């Protein structure tokens, strides 16, 4: 699991907790201005929401948005 203390400052990250399909825990979008939006499923427990948030931060930290194979990206996590 990613240790938040090891991350650089992430000033341009907004987090939205919304109802999503139960199969989706989180989604990360890199916005046109270089900022990021993290969408967390409101239907998850508080603990799972936290884990989903940390997972999303890993994608941002690793700059996974330049890759095109989502399965390969997830297998590295």
N, C-alpha and C. Protein backbone atom coordinates (compact mmCIF):
# COMPACT_ATOMS: atom_id res chain seq x y z
N UNK A 1 0.84 -1.18 0.00
CA UNK A 1 0.00 0.00 0.00
C UNK A 1 0.89 1.24 0.00
N UNK A 2 0.43 2.25 -0.67
CA UNK A 2 1.16 3.50 -0.79
C UNK A 2 1.13 4.28 0.51
N UNK A 3 2.26 4.78 0.93
CA UNK A 3 2.36 5.61 2.11
C UNK A 3 2.21 7.07 1.68
N UNK A 4 1.18 7.73 2.14
CA UNK A 4 0.92 9.12 1.72
C UNK A 4 2.08 10.04 2.03
N UNK A 5 2.87 9.72 3.04
CA UNK A 5 4.00 10.58 3.39
C UNK A 5 5.08 10.56 2.31
N UNK A 6 5.06 9.56 1.44
CA UNK A 6 6.07 9.47 0.39
C UNK A 6 5.67 10.21 -0.88
N UNK A 7 4.46 10.73 -0.92
CA UNK A 7 3.98 11.41 -2.13
C UNK A 7 4.41 12.87 -2.15
N UNK A 8 4.65 13.38 -3.36
CA UNK A 8 4.86 14.83 -3.47
C UNK A 8 3.54 15.55 -3.21
N UNK A 9 3.62 16.85 -3.03
CA UNK A 9 2.41 17.63 -2.84
C UNK A 9 1.48 17.46 -4.04
N UNK A 10 0.22 17.19 -3.79
CA UNK A 10 -0.77 17.03 -4.85
C UNK A 10 -1.81 18.13 -4.70
N UNK A 11 -1.42 19.32 -5.09
CA UNK A 11 -2.30 20.48 -4.91
C UNK A 11 -3.49 20.47 -5.86
N UNK A 12 -3.32 19.86 -7.00
CA UNK A 12 -4.35 19.94 -8.03
C UNK A 12 -5.16 18.65 -8.15
N UNK A 13 -5.59 18.14 -7.01
CA UNK A 13 -6.42 16.93 -6.98
C UNK A 13 -7.73 17.27 -6.30
N UNK A 14 -8.84 16.99 -6.98
CA UNK A 14 -10.14 17.16 -6.34
C UNK A 14 -10.77 15.78 -6.19
N UNK A 15 -11.46 15.58 -5.08
CA UNK A 15 -12.07 14.29 -4.77
C UNK A 15 -13.58 14.47 -4.71
N UNK A 16 -14.28 13.55 -5.37
CA UNK A 16 -15.74 13.58 -5.41
C UNK A 16 -16.25 12.22 -4.98
N UNK A 17 -17.11 12.19 -3.98
CA UNK A 17 -17.71 10.94 -3.53
C UNK A 17 -19.12 10.89 -4.11
N UNK A 18 -19.33 9.95 -5.02
CA UNK A 18 -20.60 9.87 -5.74
C UNK A 18 -21.07 8.42 -5.81
N UNK A 19 -22.35 8.23 -6.03
CA UNK A 19 -22.89 6.89 -6.24
C UNK A 19 -22.43 6.39 -7.60
N UNK A 20 -21.84 5.21 -7.60
CA UNK A 20 -21.35 4.59 -8.83
C UNK A 20 -21.82 3.15 -8.85
N UNK A 21 -21.67 2.50 -9.99
CA UNK A 21 -21.95 1.08 -10.10
C UNK A 21 -21.16 0.35 -9.02
N UNK A 22 -21.74 -0.65 -8.41
CA UNK A 22 -21.07 -1.33 -7.30
C UNK A 22 -19.80 -2.05 -7.72
N UNK A 23 -19.59 -2.28 -9.00
CA UNK A 23 -18.36 -2.92 -9.47
C UNK A 23 -17.20 -1.94 -9.59
N UNK A 24 -17.50 -0.64 -9.49
CA UNK A 24 -16.47 0.40 -9.63
C UNK A 24 -16.21 1.02 -8.26
N UNK A 25 -14.95 0.95 -7.81
CA UNK A 25 -14.62 1.55 -6.52
C UNK A 25 -14.16 2.98 -6.66
N UNK A 26 -13.37 3.25 -7.70
CA UNK A 26 -12.87 4.60 -7.92
C UNK A 26 -12.55 4.79 -9.39
N UNK A 27 -12.45 6.04 -9.77
CA UNK A 27 -12.03 6.40 -11.11
C UNK A 27 -11.20 7.67 -11.01
N UNK A 28 -10.14 7.74 -11.80
CA UNK A 28 -9.28 8.92 -11.80
C UNK A 28 -9.28 9.49 -13.21
N UNK A 29 -9.40 10.79 -13.29
CA UNK A 29 -9.38 11.48 -14.58
C UNK A 29 -8.30 12.56 -14.53
N UNK A 30 -7.45 12.57 -15.55
CA UNK A 30 -6.50 13.67 -15.70
C UNK A 30 -7.19 14.74 -16.54
N UNK A 31 -7.37 15.91 -15.96
CA UNK A 31 -8.09 16.99 -16.62
C UNK A 31 -7.19 17.73 -17.61
N UNK A 32 -7.80 18.46 -18.51
CA UNK A 32 -7.07 19.19 -19.54
C UNK A 32 -6.05 20.17 -18.97
N UNK A 33 -6.33 20.72 -17.79
CA UNK A 33 -5.43 21.71 -17.19
C UNK A 33 -4.30 21.07 -16.37
N UNK A 34 -4.20 19.73 -16.41
CA UNK A 34 -3.16 19.04 -15.68
C UNK A 34 -3.55 18.64 -14.27
N UNK A 35 -4.71 19.06 -13.81
CA UNK A 35 -5.20 18.66 -12.50
C UNK A 35 -5.84 17.27 -12.61
N UNK A 36 -6.21 16.72 -11.48
CA UNK A 36 -6.82 15.39 -11.45
C UNK A 36 -8.13 15.43 -10.69
N UNK A 37 -9.06 14.60 -11.12
CA UNK A 37 -10.31 14.39 -10.40
C UNK A 37 -10.38 12.93 -10.02
N UNK A 38 -10.59 12.68 -8.73
CA UNK A 38 -10.77 11.33 -8.23
C UNK A 38 -12.23 11.18 -7.85
N UNK A 39 -12.87 10.15 -8.39
CA UNK A 39 -14.26 9.85 -8.07
C UNK A 39 -14.27 8.57 -7.24
N UNK A 40 -14.82 8.65 -6.03
CA UNK A 40 -14.89 7.53 -5.10
C UNK A 40 -16.35 7.10 -4.97
N UNK A 41 -16.56 5.78 -4.98
CA UNK A 41 -17.91 5.26 -4.87
C UNK A 41 -18.47 5.47 -3.46
N UNK A 42 -19.56 6.19 -3.36
CA UNK A 42 -20.20 6.49 -2.07
C UNK A 42 -20.78 5.23 -1.43
N UNK A 43 -20.98 4.19 -2.21
CA UNK A 43 -21.58 2.96 -1.69
C UNK A 43 -20.58 2.07 -0.95
N UNK A 44 -19.32 2.45 -0.96
CA UNK A 44 -18.29 1.68 -0.27
C UNK A 44 -18.25 2.04 1.21
N UNK A 45 -17.73 1.14 2.01
CA UNK A 45 -17.51 1.44 3.42
C UNK A 45 -16.44 2.54 3.51
N UNK A 46 -16.36 3.16 4.65
CA UNK A 46 -15.35 4.21 4.84
C UNK A 46 -13.95 3.67 4.63
N UNK A 47 -13.69 2.47 5.12
CA UNK A 47 -12.37 1.87 4.95
C UNK A 47 -12.06 1.60 3.48
N UNK A 48 -13.03 1.05 2.73
CA UNK A 48 -12.83 0.78 1.30
C UNK A 48 -12.69 2.10 0.53
N UNK A 49 -13.40 3.15 0.92
CA UNK A 49 -13.24 4.45 0.26
C UNK A 49 -11.81 4.95 0.44
N UNK A 50 -11.28 4.79 1.64
CA UNK A 50 -9.90 5.20 1.91
C UNK A 50 -8.93 4.42 1.03
N UNK A 51 -9.12 3.11 0.96
CA UNK A 51 -8.25 2.28 0.13
C UNK A 51 -8.37 2.64 -1.36
N UNK A 52 -9.59 2.95 -1.80
CA UNK A 52 -9.79 3.35 -3.18
C UNK A 52 -9.09 4.68 -3.46
N UNK A 53 -9.15 5.59 -2.51
CA UNK A 53 -8.46 6.88 -2.64
C UNK A 53 -6.94 6.67 -2.76
N UNK A 54 -6.39 5.83 -1.90
CA UNK A 54 -4.95 5.55 -1.96
C UNK A 54 -4.58 4.89 -3.28
N UNK A 55 -5.43 4.01 -3.77
CA UNK A 55 -5.21 3.37 -5.06
C UNK A 55 -5.17 4.41 -6.18
N UNK A 56 -6.12 5.34 -6.13
CA UNK A 56 -6.17 6.40 -7.14
C UNK A 56 -4.91 7.27 -7.08
N UNK A 57 -4.45 7.58 -5.87
CA UNK A 57 -3.23 8.37 -5.73
C UNK A 57 -2.03 7.65 -6.33
N UNK A 58 -2.01 6.33 -6.22
CA UNK A 58 -0.91 5.57 -6.83
C UNK A 58 -0.89 5.78 -8.34
N UNK A 59 -2.06 5.79 -8.96
CA UNK A 59 -2.13 6.02 -10.40
C UNK A 59 -1.59 7.41 -10.76
N UNK A 60 -1.93 8.39 -9.94
CA UNK A 60 -1.45 9.75 -10.20
C UNK A 60 0.06 9.80 -10.00
N UNK A 61 0.53 9.24 -8.90
CA UNK A 61 1.95 9.27 -8.57
C UNK A 61 2.79 8.57 -9.64
N UNK A 62 2.27 7.48 -10.19
CA UNK A 62 2.99 6.71 -11.20
C UNK A 62 2.77 7.24 -12.61
N UNK A 63 1.95 8.26 -12.76
CA UNK A 63 1.62 8.83 -14.07
C UNK A 63 1.14 7.74 -15.03
N UNK A 64 0.15 6.98 -14.58
CA UNK A 64 -0.39 5.88 -15.37
C UNK A 64 -1.27 6.33 -16.53
N UNK A 65 -1.42 7.60 -16.74
CA UNK A 65 -2.35 8.10 -17.74
C UNK A 65 -1.78 8.11 -19.14
N UNK A 66 -0.49 7.83 -19.26
CA UNK A 66 0.11 7.77 -20.59
C UNK A 66 0.01 6.36 -21.17
N UNK A 67 -0.33 5.37 -20.34
CA UNK A 67 -0.46 4.00 -20.81
C UNK A 67 -1.84 3.75 -21.39
N UNK A 68 -1.93 2.78 -22.27
CA UNK A 68 -3.20 2.51 -22.89
C UNK A 68 -3.81 1.17 -22.48
N UNK A 69 -3.03 0.33 -21.80
CA UNK A 69 -3.50 -1.00 -21.41
C UNK A 69 -3.82 -1.00 -19.91
N UNK A 70 -5.11 -0.80 -19.60
CA UNK A 70 -5.53 -0.71 -18.21
C UNK A 70 -5.23 -1.97 -17.43
N UNK A 71 -5.35 -3.14 -18.06
CA UNK A 71 -5.06 -4.39 -17.35
C UNK A 71 -3.60 -4.47 -16.95
N UNK A 72 -2.71 -4.04 -17.83
CA UNK A 72 -1.27 -4.06 -17.53
C UNK A 72 -0.97 -3.07 -16.40
N UNK A 73 -1.60 -1.91 -16.42
CA UNK A 73 -1.39 -0.91 -15.37
C UNK A 73 -1.84 -1.46 -14.03
N UNK A 74 -3.04 -2.07 -13.99
CA UNK A 74 -3.58 -2.60 -12.74
C UNK A 74 -2.73 -3.77 -12.22
N UNK A 75 -2.17 -4.55 -13.11
CA UNK A 75 -1.38 -5.70 -12.66
C UNK A 75 -0.10 -5.27 -11.96
N UNK A 76 0.37 -4.05 -12.22
CA UNK A 76 1.57 -3.51 -11.54
C UNK A 76 1.25 -3.01 -10.15
N UNK A 77 0.00 -2.78 -9.84
CA UNK A 77 -0.41 -2.18 -8.57
C UNK A 77 -0.27 -3.13 -7.42
